């Protein structure tokens, strides 16, 4: 189940963010000053081949692989988002449905709707 992390550092004065996680997902939700959701980033397969689907009201969608910045010999740097292929809509939707049962309905509805929208458009 996704659970909210406390005391998240707020890096932008014009918006605030909430962060949720479980063993498969990280979900960061951005709000404007009027407490309207303006974007989110859903990172999935956290301990495998991690990817992120990001949506922002002004920029639309992006789907990226998360390069961990680590190889078997040393740390290469901070994680980096790199554009990456197909989005596994049905798998992510099913897991999100199960993991989000305790989240605010507004978040679940928006994220689920955007996942479906992105999947239906073929990720374009």
PDB file of N, CA and C in Angstrom:
ATOM      1  N   UNK A   1       0.831  -1.193   0.000  1.00  0.00           N
ATOM      2  CA  UNK A   1       0.000   0.000   0.000  1.00  0.00           C
ATOM      3  C   UNK A   1       0.874   1.253   0.000  1.00  0.00           C
ATOM      4  N   UNK A   2       0.515   2.191  -0.835  1.00  0.00           N
ATOM      5  CA  UNK A   2       1.218   3.470  -0.842  1.00  0.00           C
ATOM      6  C   UNK A   2       0.944   4.202   0.466  1.00  0.00           C
ATOM      7  N   UNK A   3       1.991   4.727   1.054  1.00  0.00           N
ATOM      8  CA  UNK A   3       1.862   5.513   2.287  1.00  0.00           C
ATOM      9  C   UNK A   3       2.611   6.823   2.107  1.00  0.00           C
ATOM     10  N   UNK A   4       2.086   7.869   2.710  1.00  0.00           N
ATOM     11  CA  UNK A   4       2.676   9.199   2.550  1.00  0.00           C
ATOM     12  C   UNK A   4       3.886   9.365   3.457  1.00  0.00           C
ATOM     13  N   UNK A   5       4.936   9.937   2.882  1.00  0.00           N
ATOM     14  CA  UNK A   5       6.125  10.261   3.654  1.00  0.00           C
ATOM     15  C   UNK A   5       5.925  11.619   4.322  1.00  0.00           C
ATOM     16  N   UNK A   6       6.436  11.761   5.516  1.00  0.00           N
ATOM     17  CA  UNK A   6       6.307  13.018   6.259  1.00  0.00           C
ATOM     18  C   UNK A   6       7.527  13.897   6.016  1.00  0.00           C
ATOM     19  N   UNK A   7       7.354  15.178   6.250  1.00  0.00           N
ATOM     20  CA  UNK A   7       8.448  16.157   6.219  1.00  0.00           C
ATOM     21  C   UNK A   7       9.217  16.179   4.905  1.00  0.00           C
ATOM     22  N   UNK A   8       8.501  16.203   3.792  1.00  0.00           N
ATOM     23  CA  UNK A   8       9.126  16.271   2.478  1.00  0.00           C
ATOM     24  C   UNK A   8       9.631  17.684   2.245  1.00  0.00           C
ATOM     25  N   UNK A   9      10.860  17.790   1.810  1.00  0.00           N
ATOM     26  CA  UNK A   9      11.433  19.098   1.513  1.00  0.00           C
ATOM     27  C   UNK A   9      10.683  19.727   0.342  1.00  0.00           C
ATOM     28  N   UNK A  10      10.270  20.957   0.528  1.00  0.00           N
ATOM     29  CA  UNK A  10       9.574  21.698  -0.524  1.00  0.00           C
ATOM     30  C   UNK A  10      10.602  22.586  -1.223  1.00  0.00           C
ATOM     31  N   UNK A  11      10.830  22.328  -2.507  1.00  0.00           N
ATOM     32  CA  UNK A  11      11.892  23.014  -3.236  1.00  0.00           C
ATOM     33  C   UNK A  11      11.409  24.221  -4.031  1.00  0.00           C
ATOM     34  N   UNK A  12      10.121  24.434  -4.101  1.00  0.00           N
ATOM     35  CA  UNK A  12       9.559  25.487  -4.939  1.00  0.00           C
ATOM     36  C   UNK A  12       8.516  26.249  -4.132  1.00  0.00           C
ATOM     37  N   UNK A  13       8.643  27.545  -4.071  1.00  0.00           N
ATOM     38  CA  UNK A  13       7.700  28.353  -3.286  1.00  0.00           C
ATOM     39  C   UNK A  13       6.342  28.503  -3.966  1.00  0.00           C
ATOM     40  N   UNK A  14       6.262  28.243  -5.258  1.00  0.00           N
ATOM     41  CA  UNK A  14       5.000  28.434  -5.979  1.00  0.00           C
ATOM     42  C   UNK A  14       4.141  27.177  -6.010  1.00  0.00           C
ATOM     43  N   UNK A  15       4.661  26.072  -5.532  1.00  0.00           N
ATOM     44  CA  UNK A  15       3.893  24.837  -5.465  1.00  0.00           C
ATOM     45  C   UNK A  15       4.425  23.990  -4.316  1.00  0.00           C
ATOM     46  N   UNK A  16       3.646  23.005  -3.919  1.00  0.00           N
ATOM     47  CA  UNK A  16       4.121  22.073  -2.901  1.00  0.00           C
ATOM     48  C   UNK A  16       3.910  20.660  -3.413  1.00  0.00           C
ATOM     49  N   UNK A  17       4.596  19.731  -2.783  1.00  0.00           N
ATOM     50  CA  UNK A  17       4.504  18.343  -3.238  1.00  0.00           C
ATOM     51  C   UNK A  17       4.232  17.410  -2.071  1.00  0.00           C
ATOM     52  N   UNK A  18       3.604  16.294  -2.424  1.00  0.00           N
ATOM     53  CA  UNK A  18       3.393  15.191  -1.491  1.00  0.00           C
ATOM     54  C   UNK A  18       4.064  13.977  -2.102  1.00  0.00           C
ATOM     55  N   UNK A  19       4.599  13.104  -1.239  1.00  0.00           N
ATOM     56  CA  UNK A  19       5.345  11.939  -1.704  1.00  0.00           C
ATOM     57  C   UNK A  19       4.803  10.695  -1.024  1.00  0.00           C
ATOM     58  N   UNK A  20       4.511   9.689  -1.838  1.00  0.00           N
ATOM     59  CA  UNK A  20       3.983   8.417  -1.359  1.00  0.00           C
ATOM     60  C   UNK A  20       4.891   7.305  -1.881  1.00  0.00           C
ATOM     61  N   UNK A  21       4.991   6.209  -1.115  1.00  0.00           N
ATOM     62  CA  UNK A  21       5.814   5.098  -1.592  1.00  0.00           C
ATOM     63  C   UNK A  21       5.312   3.775  -1.041  1.00  0.00           C
ATOM     64  N   UNK A  22       5.662   2.713  -1.769  1.00  0.00           N
ATOM     65  CA  UNK A  22       5.542   1.349  -1.285  1.00  0.00           C
ATOM     66  C   UNK A  22       6.699   0.572  -1.893  1.00  0.00           C
ATOM     67  N   UNK A  23       6.633  -0.742  -1.896  1.00  0.00           N
ATOM     68  CA  UNK A  23       7.779  -1.509  -2.390  1.00  0.00           C
ATOM     69  C   UNK A  23       7.886  -1.549  -3.912  1.00  0.00           C
ATOM     70  N   UNK A  24       6.890  -1.005  -4.628  1.00  0.00           N
ATOM     71  CA  UNK A  24       6.933  -0.998  -6.088  1.00  0.00           C
ATOM     72  C   UNK A  24       6.909   0.415  -6.677  1.00  0.00           C
ATOM     73  N   UNK A  25       6.216   1.342  -6.000  1.00  0.00           N
ATOM     74  CA  UNK A  25       5.996   2.692  -6.520  1.00  0.00           C
ATOM     75  C   UNK A  25       6.606   3.772  -5.633  1.00  0.00           C
ATOM     76  N   UNK A  26       6.962   4.871  -6.276  1.00  0.00           N
ATOM     77  CA  UNK A  26       7.111   6.189  -5.664  1.00  0.00           C
ATOM     78  C   UNK A  26       6.131   7.064  -6.425  1.00  0.00           C
ATOM     79  N   UNK A  27       5.324   7.822  -5.722  1.00  0.00           N
ATOM     80  CA  UNK A  27       4.397   8.751  -6.357  1.00  0.00           C
ATOM     81  C   UNK A  27       4.612  10.123  -5.747  1.00  0.00           C
ATOM     82  N   UNK A  28       5.006  11.075  -6.581  1.00  0.00           N
ATOM     83  CA  UNK A  28       5.165  12.460  -6.153  1.00  0.00           C
ATOM     84  C   UNK A  28       4.064  13.255  -6.834  1.00  0.00           C
ATOM     85  N   UNK A  29       3.299  14.004  -6.061  1.00  0.00           N
ATOM     86  CA  UNK A  29       2.182  14.786  -6.587  1.00  0.00           C
ATOM     87  C   UNK A  29       2.467  16.253  -6.307  1.00  0.00           C
ATOM     88  N   UNK A  30       2.373  17.089  -7.360  1.00  0.00           N
ATOM     89  CA  UNK A  30       2.619  18.529  -7.228  1.00  0.00           C
ATOM     90  C   UNK A  30       1.307  19.286  -7.246  1.00  0.00           C
ATOM     91  N   UNK A  31       1.194  20.275  -6.362  1.00  0.00           N
ATOM     92  CA  UNK A  31       0.008  21.123  -6.233  1.00  0.00           C
ATOM     93  C   UNK A  31       0.408  22.575  -6.437  1.00  0.00           C
ATOM     94  N   UNK A  32      -0.540  23.375  -6.961  1.00  0.00           N
ATOM     95  CA  UNK A  32      -0.291  24.814  -7.037  1.00  0.00           C
ATOM     96  C   UNK A  32      -0.711  25.456  -5.714  1.00  0.00           C
ATOM     97  N   UNK A  33      -0.625  26.777  -5.652  1.00  0.00           N
ATOM     98  CA  UNK A  33      -0.940  27.486  -4.409  1.00  0.00           C
ATOM     99  C   UNK A  33      -2.415  27.401  -4.028  1.00  0.00           C
ATOM    100  N   UNK A  34      -3.264  27.040  -4.991  1.00  0.00           N
ATOM    101  CA  UNK A  34      -4.691  26.886  -4.710  1.00  0.00           C
ATOM    102  C   UNK A  34      -5.048  25.445  -4.368  1.00  0.00           C
ATOM    103  N   UNK A  35      -4.023  24.616  -4.145  1.00  0.00           N
ATOM    104  CA  UNK A  35      -4.165  23.206  -3.787  1.00  0.00           C
ATOM    105  C   UNK A  35      -4.786  22.369  -4.906  1.00  0.00           C
ATOM    106  N   UNK A  36      -4.553  22.784  -6.144  1.00  0.00           N
ATOM    107  CA  UNK A  36      -4.976  22.023  -7.311  1.00  0.00           C
ATOM    108  C   UNK A  36      -3.789  21.184  -7.794  1.00  0.00           C
ATOM    109  N   UNK A  37      -4.033  19.915  -8.125  1.00  0.00           N
ATOM    110  CA  UNK A  37      -2.960  19.065  -8.642  1.00  0.00           C
ATOM    111  C   UNK A  37      -2.561  19.569 -10.021  1.00  0.00           C
ATOM    112  N   UNK A  38      -1.254  19.816 -10.185  1.00  0.00           N
ATOM    113  CA  UNK A  38      -0.745  20.292 -11.470  1.00  0.00           C
ATOM    114  C   UNK A  38       0.204  19.292 -12.124  1.00  0.00           C
ATOM    115  N   UNK A  39       0.519  18.216 -11.429  1.00  0.00           N
ATOM    116  CA  UNK A  39       1.388  17.213 -12.022  1.00  0.00           C
ATOM    117  C   UNK A  39       1.687  16.086 -11.051  1.00  0.00           C
ATOM    118  N   UNK A  40       2.293  15.035 -11.608  1.00  0.00           N
ATOM    119  CA  UNK A  40       2.737  13.921 -10.774  1.00  0.00           C
ATOM    120  C   UNK A  40       3.849  13.178 -11.494  1.00  0.00           C
ATOM    121  N   UNK A  41       4.584  12.430 -10.723  1.00  0.00           N
ATOM    122  CA  UNK A  41       5.560  11.487 -11.270  1.00  0.00           C
ATOM    123  C   UNK A  41       5.332  10.157 -10.568  1.00  0.00           C
ATOM    124  N   UNK A  42       5.038   9.141 -11.364  1.00  0.00           N
ATOM    125  CA  UNK A  42       4.829   7.796 -10.838  1.00  0.00           C
ATOM    126  C   UNK A  42       6.027   6.950 -11.263  1.00  0.00           C
ATOM    127  N   UNK A  43       6.874   6.640 -10.294  1.00  0.00           N
ATOM    128  CA  UNK A  43       8.026   5.776 -10.539  1.00  0.00           C
ATOM    129  C   UNK A  43       7.600   4.363 -10.200  1.00  0.00           C
ATOM    130  N   UNK A  44       7.917   3.432 -11.079  1.00  0.00           N
ATOM    131  CA  UNK A  44       7.487   2.058 -10.865  1.00  0.00           C
ATOM    132  C   UNK A  44       8.637   1.088 -11.050  1.00  0.00           C
ATOM    133  N   UNK A  45       8.483  -0.104 -10.453  1.00  0.00           N
ATOM    134  CA  UNK A  45       9.528  -1.134 -10.428  1.00  0.00           C
ATOM    135  C   UNK A  45      10.783  -0.579  -9.752  1.00  0.00           C
ATOM    136  N   UNK A  46      10.563  -0.013  -8.562  1.00  0.00           N
ATOM    137  CA  UNK A  46      11.614   0.693  -7.814  1.00  0.00           C
ATOM    138  C   UNK A  46      12.890  -0.114  -7.627  1.00  0.00           C
ATOM    139  N   UNK A  47      12.776  -1.412  -7.437  1.00  0.00           N
ATOM    140  CA  UNK A  47      13.961  -2.215  -7.135  1.00  0.00           C
ATOM    141  C   UNK A  47      14.332  -3.139  -8.290  1.00  0.00           C
ATOM    142  N   UNK A  48      13.818  -2.826  -9.458  1.00  0.00           N
ATOM    143  CA  UNK A  48      14.124  -3.590 -10.664  1.00  0.00           C
ATOM    144  C   UNK A  48      14.631  -2.646 -11.735  1.00  0.00           C
ATOM    145  N   UNK A  49      13.926  -2.639 -12.862  1.00  0.00           N
ATOM    146  CA  UNK A  49      14.252  -1.736 -13.967  1.00  0.00           C
ATOM    147  C   UNK A  49      13.351  -0.523 -13.839  1.00  0.00           C
ATOM    148  N   UNK A  50      13.747   0.399 -12.957  1.00  0.00           N
ATOM    149  CA  UNK A  50      12.887   1.520 -12.585  1.00  0.00           C
ATOM    150  C   UNK A  50      12.635   2.476 -13.748  1.00  0.00           C
ATOM    151  N   UNK A  51      11.370   2.879 -13.850  1.00  0.00           N
ATOM    152  CA  UNK A  51      10.918   3.835 -14.852  1.00  0.00           C
ATOM    153  C   UNK A  51      10.043   4.882 -14.168  1.00  0.00           C
ATOM    154  N   UNK A  52       9.804   5.972 -14.866  1.00  0.00           N
ATOM    155  CA  UNK A  52       8.943   7.025 -14.344  1.00  0.00           C
ATOM    156  C   UNK A  52       8.029   7.537 -15.442  1.00  0.00           C
ATOM    157  N   UNK A  53       6.741   7.626 -15.129  1.00  0.00           N
ATOM    158  CA  UNK A  53       5.800   8.317 -15.987  1.00  0.00           C
ATOM    159  C   UNK A  53       5.509   9.646 -15.306  1.00  0.00           C
ATOM    160  N   UNK A  54       5.782  10.710 -16.011  1.00  0.00           N
ATOM    161  CA  UNK A  54       5.589  12.052 -15.462  1.00  0.00           C
ATOM    162  C   UNK A  54       4.537  12.765 -16.293  1.00  0.00           C
ATOM    163  N   UNK A  55       3.630  13.442 -15.608  1.00  0.00           N
ATOM    164  CA  UNK A  55       2.646  14.284 -16.271  1.00  0.00           C
ATOM    165  C   UNK A  55       2.632  15.629 -15.571  1.00  0.00           C
ATOM    166  N   UNK A  56       2.628  16.693 -16.370  1.00  0.00           N
ATOM    167  CA  UNK A  56       2.478  18.048 -15.830  1.00  0.00           C
ATOM    168  C   UNK A  56       1.478  18.790 -16.695  1.00  0.00           C
ATOM    169  N   UNK A  57       0.636  19.558 -16.063  1.00  0.00           N
ATOM    170  CA  UNK A  57      -0.440  20.256 -16.753  1.00  0.00           C
ATOM    171  C   UNK A  57       0.072  21.133 -17.899  1.00  0.00           C
ATOM    172  N   UNK A  58       1.258  21.707 -17.768  1.00  0.00           N
ATOM    173  CA  UNK A  58       1.807  22.590 -18.795  1.00  0.00           C
ATOM    174  C   UNK A  58       2.730  21.891 -19.789  1.00  0.00           C
ATOM    175  N   UNK A  59       3.181  20.688 -19.460  1.00  0.00           N
ATOM    176  CA  UNK A  59       4.173  20.025 -20.319  1.00  0.00           C
ATOM    177  C   UNK A  59       3.731  18.665 -20.846  1.00  0.00           C
ATOM    178  N   UNK A  60       2.635  18.145 -20.359  1.00  0.00           N
ATOM    179  CA  UNK A  60       2.171  16.843 -20.828  1.00  0.00           C
ATOM    180  C   UNK A  60       2.946  15.694 -20.207  1.00  0.00           C
ATOM    181  N   UNK A  61       3.142  14.637 -20.996  1.00  0.00           N
ATOM    182  CA  UNK A  61       3.705  13.380 -20.509  1.00  0.00           C
ATOM    183  C   UNK A  61       5.160  13.189 -20.900  1.00  0.00           C
ATOM    184  N   UNK A  62       5.851  12.421 -20.079  1.00  0.00           N
ATOM    185  CA  UNK A  62       7.137  11.839 -20.466  1.00  0.00           C
ATOM    186  C   UNK A  62       7.235  10.476 -19.781  1.00  0.00           C
ATOM    187  N   UNK A  63       7.887   9.552 -20.449  1.00  0.00           N
ATOM    188  CA  UNK A  63       8.112   8.220 -19.905  1.00  0.00           C
ATOM    189  C   UNK A  63       9.596   7.948 -20.001  1.00  0.00           C
ATOM    190  N   UNK A  64      10.223   7.674 -18.876  1.00  0.00           N
ATOM    191  CA  UNK A  64      11.674   7.567 -18.826  1.00  0.00           C
ATOM    192  C   UNK A  64      12.131   6.375 -18.009  1.00  0.00           C
ATOM    193  N   UNK A  65      13.280   5.872 -18.389  1.00  0.00           N
ATOM    194  CA  UNK A  65      13.998   4.908 -17.567  1.00  0.00           C
ATOM    195  C   UNK A  65      14.801   5.737 -16.569  1.00  0.00           C
ATOM    196  N   UNK A  66      14.918   5.222 -15.352  1.00  0.00           N
ATOM    197  CA  UNK A  66      15.717   5.918 -14.348  1.00  0.00           C
ATOM    198  C   UNK A  66      17.071   5.236 -14.278  1.00  0.00           C
ATOM    199  N   UNK A  67      18.075   5.943 -14.742  1.00  0.00           N
ATOM    200  CA  UNK A  67      19.440   5.448 -14.650  1.00  0.00           C
ATOM    201  C   UNK A  67      19.908   5.729 -13.228  1.00  0.00           C
ATOM    202  N   UNK A  68      20.276   4.682 -12.532  1.00  0.00           N
ATOM    203  CA  UNK A  68      20.591   4.817 -11.108  1.00  0.00           C
ATOM    204  C   UNK A  68      21.880   5.562 -10.824  1.00  0.00           C
ATOM    205  N   UNK A  69      22.728   5.728 -11.829  1.00  0.00           N
ATOM    206  CA  UNK A  69      23.994   6.393 -11.582  1.00  0.00           C
ATOM    207  C   UNK A  69      24.984   5.484 -10.886  1.00  0.00           C
ATOM    208  N   UNK A  70      24.740   4.155 -10.941  1.00  0.00           N
ATOM    209  CA  UNK A  70      25.610   3.217 -10.246  1.00  0.00           C
ATOM    210  C   UNK A  70      25.936   2.058 -11.183  1.00  0.00           C
ATOM    211  N   UNK A  71      27.174   1.652 -11.206  1.00  0.00           N
ATOM    212  CA  UNK A  71      27.514   0.414 -11.887  1.00  0.00           C
ATOM    213  C   UNK A  71      28.218  -0.485 -10.882  1.00  0.00           C
ATOM    214  N   UNK A  72      28.663  -1.641 -11.300  1.00  0.00           N
ATOM    215  CA  UNK A  72      29.217  -2.596 -10.332  1.00  0.00           C
ATOM    216  C   UNK A  72      30.521  -2.124  -9.692  1.00  0.00           C
ATOM    217  N   UNK A  73      31.146  -1.093 -10.243  1.00  0.00           N
ATOM    218  CA  UNK A  73      32.435  -0.648  -9.730  1.00  0.00           C
ATOM    219  C   UNK A  73      32.375   0.627  -8.906  1.00  0.00           C
ATOM    220  N   UNK A  74      31.489   1.530  -9.244  1.00  0.00           N
ATOM    221  CA  UNK A  74      31.453   2.794  -8.516  1.00  0.00           C
ATOM    222  C   UNK A  74      30.165   3.554  -8.809  1.00  0.00           C
ATOM    223  N   UNK A  75      29.930   4.586  -8.025  1.00  0.00           N
ATOM    224  CA  UNK A  75      28.792   5.465  -8.234  1.00  0.00           C
ATOM    225  C   UNK A  75      29.137   6.429  -9.353  1.00  0.00           C
ATOM    226  N   UNK A  76      28.223   6.563 -10.297  1.00  0.00           N
ATOM    227  CA  UNK A  76      28.451   7.444 -11.432  1.00  0.00           C
ATOM    228  C   UNK A  76      27.878   8.839 -11.216  1.00  0.00           C
ATOM    229  N   UNK A  77      26.974   8.993 -10.298  1.00  0.00           N
ATOM    230  CA  UNK A  77      26.348  10.287 -10.052  1.00  0.00           C
ATOM    231  C   UNK A  77      24.901  10.119  -9.659  1.00  0.00           C
ATOM    232  N   UNK A  78      24.167  11.209  -9.676  1.00  0.00           N
ATOM    233  CA  UNK A  78      22.755  11.196  -9.299  1.00  0.00           C
ATOM    234  C   UNK A  78      21.934  10.455 -10.358  1.00  0.00           C
ATOM    235  N   UNK A  79      20.823   9.862  -9.953  1.00  0.00           N
ATOM    236  CA  UNK A  79      19.944   9.220 -10.932  1.00  0.00           C
ATOM    237  C   UNK A  79      19.512  10.210 -12.016  1.00  0.00           C
ATOM    238  N   UNK A  80      19.384   9.697 -13.233  1.00  0.00           N
ATOM    239  CA  UNK A  80      19.055  10.526 -14.391  1.00  0.00           C
ATOM    240  C   UNK A  80      17.883   9.883 -15.134  1.00  0.00           C
ATOM    241  N   UNK A  81      16.958  10.717 -15.608  1.00  0.00           N
ATOM    242  CA  UNK A  81      15.856  10.237 -16.429  1.00  0.00           C
ATOM    243  C   UNK A  81      16.305  10.184 -17.885  1.00  0.00           C
ATOM    244  N   UNK A  82      16.063   9.037 -18.533  1.00  0.00           N
ATOM    245  CA  UNK A  82      16.422   8.855 -19.937  1.00  0.00           C
ATOM    246  C   UNK A  82      15.208   8.323 -20.678  1.00  0.00           C
ATOM    247  N   UNK A  83      14.803   8.985 -21.779  1.00  0.00           N
ATOM    248  CA  UNK A  83      13.622   8.514 -22.520  1.00  0.00           C
ATOM    249  C   UNK A  83      13.715   7.018 -22.803  1.00  0.00           C
ATOM    250  N   UNK A  84      12.582   6.336 -22.623  1.00  0.00           N
ATOM    251  CA  UNK A  84      12.606   4.884 -22.794  1.00  0.00           C
ATOM    252  C   UNK A  84      11.256   4.380 -23.242  1.00  0.00           C
ATOM    253  N   UNK A  85      11.270   3.402 -24.043  1.00  0.00           N
ATOM    254  CA  UNK A  85      10.224   2.681 -24.734  1.00  0.00           C
ATOM    255  C   UNK A  85       8.857   2.501 -24.144  1.00  0.00           C
ATOM    256  N   UNK A  86       8.313   1.345 -24.377  1.00  0.00           N
ATOM    257  CA  UNK A  86       6.908   1.026 -24.133  1.00  0.00           C
ATOM    258  C   UNK A  86       6.532   1.122 -22.655  1.00  0.00           C
ATOM    259  N   UNK A  87       5.318   1.596 -22.435  1.00  0.00           N
ATOM    260  CA  UNK A  87       4.765   1.716 -21.097  1.00  0.00           C
ATOM    261  C   UNK A  87       3.852   0.521 -20.827  1.00  0.00           C
ATOM    262  N   UNK A  88       4.111  -0.265 -19.776  1.00  0.00           N
ATOM    263  CA  UNK A  88       3.298  -1.456 -19.483  1.00  0.00           C
ATOM    264  C   UNK A  88       1.988  -1.092 -18.780  1.00  0.00           C
ATOM    265  N   UNK A  89       1.071  -0.514 -19.529  1.00  0.00           N
ATOM    266  CA  UNK A  89      -0.160   0.057 -18.970  1.00  0.00           C
ATOM    267  C   UNK A  89      -0.918  -0.908 -18.076  1.00  0.00           C
ATOM    268  N   UNK A  90      -1.242  -2.086 -18.555  1.00  0.00           N
ATOM    269  CA  UNK A  90      -2.100  -2.974 -17.766  1.00  0.00           C
ATOM    270  C   UNK A  90      -1.436  -3.388 -16.458  1.00  0.00           C
ATOM    271  N   UNK A  91      -0.150  -3.684 -16.487  1.00  0.00           N
ATOM    272  CA  UNK A  91       0.555  -4.064 -15.256  1.00  0.00           C
ATOM    273  C   UNK A  91       0.601  -2.917 -14.250  1.00  0.00           C
ATOM    274  N   UNK A  92       0.948  -1.728 -14.729  1.00  0.00           N
ATOM    275  CA  UNK A  92       1.056  -0.570 -13.830  1.00  0.00           C
ATOM    276  C   UNK A  92      -0.322  -0.187 -13.302  1.00  0.00           C
ATOM    277  N   UNK A  93      -1.332  -0.192 -14.165  1.00  0.00           N
ATOM    278  CA  UNK A  93      -2.691   0.157 -13.724  1.00  0.00           C
ATOM    279  C   UNK A  93      -3.184  -0.797 -12.637  1.00  0.00           C
ATOM    280  N   UNK A  94      -2.994  -2.090 -12.838  1.00  0.00           N
ATOM    281  CA  UNK A  94      -3.459  -3.066 -11.854  1.00  0.00           C
ATOM    282  C   UNK A  94      -2.743  -2.883 -10.521  1.00  0.00           C
ATOM    283  N   UNK A  95      -1.441  -2.734 -10.572  1.00  0.00           N
ATOM    284  CA  UNK A  95      -0.693  -2.549  -9.319  1.00  0.00           C
ATOM    285  C   UNK A  95      -1.041  -1.238  -8.645  1.00  0.00           C
ATOM    286  N   UNK A  96      -1.232  -0.175  -9.438  1.00  0.00           N
ATOM    287  CA  UNK A  96      -1.607   1.114  -8.855  1.00  0.00           C
ATOM    288  C   UNK A  96      -2.986   1.012  -8.202  1.00  0.00           C
ATOM    289  N   UNK A  97      -3.912   0.335  -8.849  1.00  0.00           N
ATOM    290  CA  UNK A  97      -5.253   0.167  -8.273  1.00  0.00           C
ATOM    291  C   UNK A  97      -5.174  -0.489  -6.899  1.00  0.00           C
ATOM    292  N   UNK A  98      -4.359  -1.516  -6.780  1.00  0.00           N
ATOM    293  CA  UNK A  98      -4.208  -2.215  -5.502  1.00  0.00           C
ATOM    294  C   UNK A  98      -3.458  -1.375  -4.480  1.00  0.00           C
ATOM    295  N   UNK A  99      -2.429  -0.685  -4.912  1.00  0.00           N
ATOM    296  CA  UNK A  99      -1.576   0.074  -3.993  1.00  0.00           C
ATOM    297  C   UNK A  99      -2.197   1.379  -3.521  1.00  0.00           C
ATOM    298  N   UNK A 100      -3.163   1.888  -4.270  1.00  0.00           N
ATOM    299  CA  UNK A 100      -3.690   3.226  -3.977  1.00  0.00           C
ATOM    300  C   UNK A 100      -5.003   3.218  -3.197  1.00  0.00           C
ATOM    301  N   UNK A 101      -5.402   2.085  -2.692  1.00  0.00           N
ATOM    302  CA  UNK A 101      -6.705   1.961  -2.024  1.00  0.00           C
ATOM    303  C   UNK A 101      -6.883   2.946  -0.873  1.00  0.00           C
ATOM    304  N   UNK A 102      -5.798   3.332  -0.205  1.00  0.00           N
ATOM    305  CA  UNK A 102      -5.902   4.233   0.939  1.00  0.00           C
ATOM    306  C   UNK A 102      -5.594   5.690   0.607  1.00  0.00           C
ATOM    307  N   UNK A 103      -5.338   6.015  -0.662  1.00  0.00           N
ATOM    308  CA  UNK A 103      -5.012   7.388  -1.050  1.00  0.00           C
ATOM    309  C   UNK A 103      -6.269   8.234  -1.215  1.00  0.00           C
ATOM    310  N   UNK A 104      -6.075   9.561  -1.203  1.00  0.00           N
ATOM    311  CA  UNK A 104      -7.160  10.491  -1.479  1.00  0.00           C
ATOM    312  C   UNK A 104      -7.771  10.163  -2.835  1.00  0.00           C
ATOM    313  N   UNK A 105      -9.095  10.168  -2.901  1.00  0.00           N
ATOM    314  CA  UNK A 105      -9.793   9.866  -4.143  1.00  0.00           C
ATOM    315  C   UNK A 105      -9.389  10.767  -5.293  1.00  0.00           C
ATOM    316  N   UNK A 106      -9.131  12.041  -5.010  1.00  0.00           N
ATOM    317  CA  UNK A 106      -8.736  12.984  -6.055  1.00  0.00           C
ATOM    318  C   UNK A 106      -7.426  12.546  -6.720  1.00  0.00           C
ATOM    319  N   UNK A 107      -6.475  12.096  -5.917  1.00  0.00           N
ATOM    320  CA  UNK A 107      -5.186  11.638  -6.452  1.00  0.00           C
ATOM    321  C   UNK A 107      -5.387  10.381  -7.284  1.00  0.00           C
ATOM    322  N   UNK A 108      -6.114   9.416  -6.741  1.00  0.00           N
ATOM    323  CA  UNK A 108      -6.334   8.148  -7.442  1.00  0.00           C
ATOM    324  C   UNK A 108      -7.025   8.389  -8.775  1.00  0.00           C
ATOM    325  N   UNK A 109      -8.047   9.221  -8.774  1.00  0.00           N
ATOM    326  CA  UNK A 109      -8.804   9.489  -9.998  1.00  0.00           C
ATOM    327  C   UNK A 109      -7.924  10.172 -11.047  1.00  0.00           C
ATOM    328  N   UNK A 110      -7.161  11.164 -10.639  1.00  0.00           N
ATOM    329  CA  UNK A 110      -6.321  11.875 -11.599  1.00  0.00           C
ATOM    330  C   UNK A 110      -5.224  10.972 -12.154  1.00  0.00           C
ATOM    331  N   UNK A 111      -4.495  10.300 -11.276  1.00  0.00           N
ATOM    332  CA  UNK A 111      -3.389   9.448 -11.736  1.00  0.00           C
ATOM    333  C   UNK A 111      -3.915   8.308 -12.600  1.00  0.00           C
ATOM    334  N   UNK A 112      -4.976   7.649 -12.176  1.00  0.00           N
ATOM    335  CA  UNK A 112      -5.553   6.557 -12.969  1.00  0.00           C
ATOM    336  C   UNK A 112      -6.000   7.053 -14.335  1.00  0.00           C
ATOM    337  N   UNK A 113      -6.644   8.199 -14.360  1.00  0.00           N
ATOM    338  CA  UNK A 113      -7.100   8.769 -15.626  1.00  0.00           C
ATOM    339  C   UNK A 113      -5.949   9.111 -16.552  1.00  0.00           C
ATOM    340  N   UNK A 114      -4.894   9.661 -16.006  1.00  0.00           N
ATOM    341  CA  UNK A 114      -3.734  10.025 -16.822  1.00  0.00           C
ATOM    342  C   UNK A 114      -2.967   8.785 -17.280  1.00  0.00           C
ATOM    343  N   UNK A 115      -2.897   7.756 -16.444  1.00  0.00           N
ATOM    344  CA  UNK A 115      -2.267   6.507 -16.880  1.00  0.00           C
ATOM    345  C   UNK A 115      -3.033   5.939 -18.078  1.00  0.00           C
ATOM    346  N   UNK A 116      -4.343   5.918 -17.973  1.00  0.00           N
ATOM    347  CA  UNK A 116      -5.170   5.408 -19.056  1.00  0.00           C
ATOM    348  C   UNK A 116      -5.009   6.254 -20.316  1.00  0.00           C
ATOM    349  N   UNK A 117      -5.033   7.576 -20.141  1.00  0.00           N
ATOM    350  CA  UNK A 117      -4.858   8.481 -21.279  1.00  0.00           C
ATOM    351  C   UNK A 117      -3.532   8.238 -21.979  1.00  0.00           C
ATOM    352  N   UNK A 118      -2.466   8.145 -21.198  1.00  0.00           N
ATOM    353  CA  UNK A 118      -1.138   7.911 -21.782  1.00  0.00           C
ATOM    354  C   UNK A 118      -1.096   6.564 -22.496  1.00  0.00           C
ATOM    355  N   UNK A 119      -1.642   5.532 -21.884  1.00  0.00           N
ATOM    356  CA  UNK A 119      -1.643   4.209 -22.487  1.00  0.00           C
ATOM    357  C   UNK A 119      -2.464   4.140 -23.769  1.00  0.00           C
ATOM    358  N   UNK A 120      -3.611   4.834 -23.798  1.00  0.00           N
ATOM    359  CA  UNK A 120      -4.471   4.818 -24.977  1.00  0.00           C
ATOM    360  C   UNK A 120      -3.831   5.551 -26.155  1.00  0.00           C
ATOM    361  N   UNK A 121      -3.014   6.537 -25.882  1.00  0.00           N
ATOM    362  CA  UNK A 121      -2.384   7.301 -26.964  1.00  0.00           C
ATOM    363  C   UNK A 121      -1.101   6.643 -27.447  1.00  0.00           C
ATOM    364  N   UNK A 122      -0.772   5.500 -26.851  1.00  0.00           N
ATOM    365  CA  UNK A 122       0.456   4.818 -27.252  1.00  0.00           C
ATOM    366  C   UNK A 122       1.698   5.529 -26.750  1.00  0.00           C
ATOM    367  N   UNK A 123       1.525   6.358 -25.737  1.00  0.00           N
ATOM    368  CA  UNK A 123       2.669   7.050 -25.161  1.00  0.00           C
ATOM    369  C   UNK A 123       3.118   8.248 -25.954  1.00  0.00           C
ATOM    370  N   UNK A 124       2.236   8.810 -26.741  1.00  0.00           N
ATOM    371  CA  UNK A 124       2.619   9.967 -27.546  1.00  0.00           C
ATOM    372  C   UNK A 124       1.996  11.221 -27.014  1.00  0.00           C
TER     373      UNK A 124
END
